[in-house]
Amino acid sequence: MKNDSRSPEEIEREIERERAGLTDALDGLQNKFSVESIARQVSDPFREITDHAASECRARCGDSNLLSDDK
């Protein structure tokens, strides 16, 4: 054990700060690796691709409803 000149109160405060930091880190990891987060990470690129493709289609074909029953 190293020679420590801190008071027990100082050591307890440091432990509490470390504990709070670990809690924050753990919460962040739980959020990052939650089912919802992983599903969002996987689906977002596909959503961006389909949104872009739909925008391109509208730009090239116009905004008219090509599937209307009025043909």
N, C-alpha and C. Protein backbone atom coordinates (compact mmCIF):
# COMPACT_ATOMS: atom_id res chain seq x y z
N MET A 1 0.84 -1.18 0.00
CA MET A 1 0.00 0.00 0.00
C MET A 1 0.88 1.24 0.00
N LYS A 2 0.55 2.19 -0.89
CA LYS A 2 1.40 3.38 -0.96
C LYS A 2 1.06 4.36 0.16
N ASN A 3 2.01 5.19 0.47
CA ASN A 3 1.83 6.19 1.51
C ASN A 3 0.92 7.29 0.97
N ASP A 4 -0.26 7.44 1.53
CA ASP A 4 -1.25 8.39 1.05
C ASP A 4 -1.56 9.40 2.16
N SER A 5 -1.39 10.68 1.83
CA SER A 5 -1.61 11.72 2.84
C SER A 5 -3.03 12.28 2.79
N ARG A 6 -3.90 11.70 1.98
CA ARG A 6 -5.28 12.18 1.90
C ARG A 6 -6.08 11.71 3.11
N SER A 7 -7.03 12.54 3.46
CA SER A 7 -7.92 12.17 4.58
C SER A 7 -8.94 11.15 4.07
N PRO A 8 -9.56 10.43 4.99
CA PRO A 8 -10.60 9.48 4.57
C PRO A 8 -11.73 10.17 3.79
N GLU A 9 -12.05 11.39 4.17
CA GLU A 9 -13.10 12.13 3.47
C GLU A 9 -12.70 12.43 2.02
N GLU A 10 -11.43 12.81 1.82
CA GLU A 10 -10.93 13.08 0.46
C GLU A 10 -10.96 11.80 -0.38
N ILE A 11 -10.58 10.71 0.22
CA ILE A 11 -10.60 9.42 -0.48
C ILE A 11 -12.03 9.04 -0.84
N GLU A 12 -12.95 9.23 0.08
CA GLU A 12 -14.36 8.93 -0.20
C GLU A 12 -14.91 9.80 -1.32
N ARG A 13 -14.55 11.09 -1.35
CA ARG A 13 -14.99 11.98 -2.43
C ARG A 13 -14.44 11.52 -3.77
N GLU A 14 -13.18 11.13 -3.77
CA GLU A 14 -12.57 10.64 -5.01
C GLU A 14 -13.25 9.36 -5.49
N ILE A 15 -13.55 8.48 -4.56
CA ILE A 15 -14.25 7.24 -4.91
C ILE A 15 -15.62 7.56 -5.51
N GLU A 16 -16.33 8.50 -4.91
CA GLU A 16 -17.65 8.89 -5.43
C GLU A 16 -17.53 9.49 -6.83
N ARG A 17 -16.50 10.32 -7.07
CA ARG A 17 -16.30 10.89 -8.41
C ARG A 17 -16.02 9.78 -9.42
N GLU A 18 -15.18 8.85 -9.04
CA GLU A 18 -14.86 7.72 -9.93
C GLU A 18 -16.10 6.88 -10.19
N ARG A 19 -16.88 6.64 -9.15
CA ARG A 19 -18.11 5.85 -9.29
C ARG A 19 -19.08 6.55 -10.24
N ALA A 20 -19.22 7.86 -10.10
CA ALA A 20 -20.12 8.61 -10.99
C ALA A 20 -19.62 8.54 -12.43
N GLY A 21 -18.31 8.65 -12.61
CA GLY A 21 -17.75 8.55 -13.95
C GLY A 21 -17.98 7.18 -14.57
N LEU A 22 -17.82 6.14 -13.78
CA LEU A 22 -18.07 4.78 -14.26
C LEU A 22 -19.54 4.57 -14.59
N THR A 23 -20.42 5.14 -13.77
CA THR A 23 -21.85 5.03 -14.03
C THR A 23 -22.20 5.70 -15.35
N ASP A 24 -21.65 6.89 -15.59
CA ASP A 24 -21.89 7.59 -16.85
C ASP A 24 -21.37 6.79 -18.03
N ALA A 25 -20.19 6.21 -17.89
CA ALA A 25 -19.61 5.42 -18.98
C ALA A 25 -20.47 4.18 -19.25
N LEU A 26 -20.92 3.53 -18.20
CA LEU A 26 -21.76 2.34 -18.36
C LEU A 26 -23.09 2.70 -19.01
N ASP A 27 -23.70 3.80 -18.59
CA ASP A 27 -24.95 4.25 -19.20
C ASP A 27 -24.75 4.52 -20.69
N GLY A 28 -23.65 5.15 -21.04
CA GLY A 28 -23.36 5.42 -22.45
C GLY A 28 -23.21 4.15 -23.26
N LEU A 29 -22.52 3.16 -22.70
CA LEU A 29 -22.36 1.88 -23.39
C LEU A 29 -23.69 1.16 -23.54
N GLN A 30 -24.50 1.20 -22.50
CA GLN A 30 -25.81 0.55 -22.58
C GLN A 30 -26.67 1.20 -23.65
N ASN A 31 -26.61 2.52 -23.75
CA ASN A 31 -27.38 3.22 -24.79
C ASN A 31 -26.85 2.89 -26.18
N LYS A 32 -25.52 2.88 -26.32
CA LYS A 32 -24.91 2.63 -27.63
C LYS A 32 -25.21 1.23 -28.13
N PHE A 33 -25.24 0.26 -27.25
CA PHE A 33 -25.42 -1.12 -27.65
C PHE A 33 -26.81 -1.67 -27.35
N SER A 34 -27.78 -0.79 -27.14
CA SER A 34 -29.15 -1.25 -26.94
C SER A 34 -29.71 -1.76 -28.26
N VAL A 35 -30.73 -2.57 -28.18
CA VAL A 35 -31.35 -3.10 -29.39
C VAL A 35 -31.84 -1.97 -30.28
N GLU A 36 -32.45 -0.97 -29.69
CA GLU A 36 -32.97 0.16 -30.46
C GLU A 36 -31.85 0.90 -31.18
N SER A 37 -30.75 1.12 -30.49
CA SER A 37 -29.63 1.85 -31.08
C SER A 37 -29.00 1.06 -32.22
N ILE A 38 -28.81 -0.22 -32.03
CA ILE A 38 -28.21 -1.05 -33.08
C ILE A 38 -29.15 -1.11 -34.28
N ALA A 39 -30.44 -1.27 -34.04
CA ALA A 39 -31.41 -1.30 -35.14
C ALA A 39 -31.38 0.02 -35.91
N ARG A 40 -31.26 1.13 -35.20
CA ARG A 40 -31.19 2.44 -35.85
C ARG A 40 -29.90 2.57 -36.66
N GLN A 41 -28.79 2.09 -36.10
CA GLN A 41 -27.51 2.16 -36.81
C GLN A 41 -27.55 1.34 -38.10
N VAL A 42 -28.27 0.23 -38.08
CA VAL A 42 -28.37 -0.62 -39.27
C VAL A 42 -29.36 -0.04 -40.27
N SER A 43 -30.48 0.48 -39.79
CA SER A 43 -31.54 0.93 -40.70
C SER A 43 -31.33 2.32 -41.26
N ASP A 44 -30.64 3.20 -40.55
CA ASP A 44 -30.47 4.57 -41.02
C ASP A 44 -29.82 4.67 -42.40
N PRO A 45 -28.74 3.93 -42.68
CA PRO A 45 -28.16 4.02 -44.03
C PRO A 45 -29.14 3.59 -45.12
N PHE A 46 -29.95 2.57 -44.87
CA PHE A 46 -30.94 2.13 -45.85
C PHE A 46 -32.01 3.19 -46.04
N ARG A 47 -32.43 3.81 -44.96
CA ARG A 47 -33.43 4.87 -45.05
C ARG A 47 -32.89 6.04 -45.86
N GLU A 48 -31.63 6.39 -45.64
CA GLU A 48 -31.03 7.48 -46.41
C GLU A 48 -30.98 7.14 -47.89
N ILE A 49 -30.64 5.89 -48.21
CA ILE A 49 -30.56 5.46 -49.61
C ILE A 49 -31.94 5.52 -50.26
N THR A 50 -32.95 5.00 -49.57
CA THR A 50 -34.29 5.00 -50.16
C THR A 50 -34.85 6.41 -50.25
N ASP A 51 -34.57 7.26 -49.28
CA ASP A 51 -35.00 8.66 -49.36
C ASP A 51 -34.35 9.35 -50.55
N HIS A 52 -33.07 9.11 -50.75
CA HIS A 52 -32.36 9.71 -51.88
C HIS A 52 -32.93 9.19 -53.20
N ALA A 53 -33.18 7.88 -53.29
CA ALA A 53 -33.73 7.30 -54.51
C ALA A 53 -35.11 7.87 -54.80
N ALA A 54 -35.94 8.04 -53.78
CA ALA A 54 -37.27 8.62 -53.96
C ALA A 54 -37.17 10.06 -54.43
N SER A 55 -36.24 10.81 -53.88
CA SER A 55 -36.05 12.20 -54.30
C SER A 55 -35.61 12.27 -55.76
N GLU A 56 -34.69 11.39 -56.13
CA GLU A 56 -34.23 11.33 -57.52
C GLU A 56 -35.38 10.99 -58.47
N CYS A 57 -36.18 10.04 -58.06
CA CYS A 57 -37.33 9.64 -58.87
C CYS A 57 -38.31 10.79 -59.05
N ARG A 58 -38.61 11.49 -57.97
CA ARG A 58 -39.51 12.64 -58.06
C ARG A 58 -38.93 13.72 -58.94
N ALA A 59 -37.62 13.93 -58.84
CA ALA A 59 -36.99 14.96 -59.65
C ALA A 59 -37.04 14.60 -61.13
N ARG A 60 -36.89 13.35 -61.46
CA ARG A 60 -36.87 12.92 -62.86
C ARG A 60 -38.27 12.71 -63.42
N CYS A 61 -39.18 12.24 -62.59
CA CYS A 61 -40.52 11.89 -63.07
C CYS A 61 -41.56 12.93 -62.71
N GLY A 62 -41.20 13.89 -61.93
CA GLY A 62 -42.17 14.86 -61.46
C GLY A 62 -42.87 14.34 -60.23
N ASP A 63 -43.63 15.19 -59.60
CA ASP A 63 -44.31 14.81 -58.38
C ASP A 63 -45.67 14.17 -58.63
N SER A 64 -46.03 13.93 -59.90
CA SER A 64 -47.34 13.36 -60.18
C SER A 64 -47.44 11.96 -59.63
N ASN A 65 -48.63 11.57 -59.31
CA ASN A 65 -48.87 10.23 -58.76
C ASN A 65 -48.95 9.25 -59.92
N LEU A 66 -47.91 8.49 -60.13
CA LEU A 66 -47.87 7.56 -61.25
C LEU A 66 -48.75 6.35 -61.02
N LEU A 67 -49.22 6.16 -59.83
CA LEU A 67 -50.03 5.00 -59.50
C LEU A 67 -51.50 5.34 -59.35
N SER A 68 -51.91 6.49 -59.81
CA SER A 68 -53.31 6.87 -59.62
C SER A 68 -54.22 6.02 -60.50
N ASP A 69 -55.49 5.91 -60.13
CA ASP A 69 -56.46 5.10 -60.87
C ASP A 69 -57.09 5.89 -62.02
N ASP A 70 -56.69 7.13 -62.24
CA ASP A 70 -57.28 8.00 -63.25
C ASP A 70 -56.68 7.81 -64.61
N LYS A 71 -56.05 6.71 -64.93
CA LYS A 71 -55.37 6.52 -66.22
C LYS A 71 -56.30 6.22 -67.32
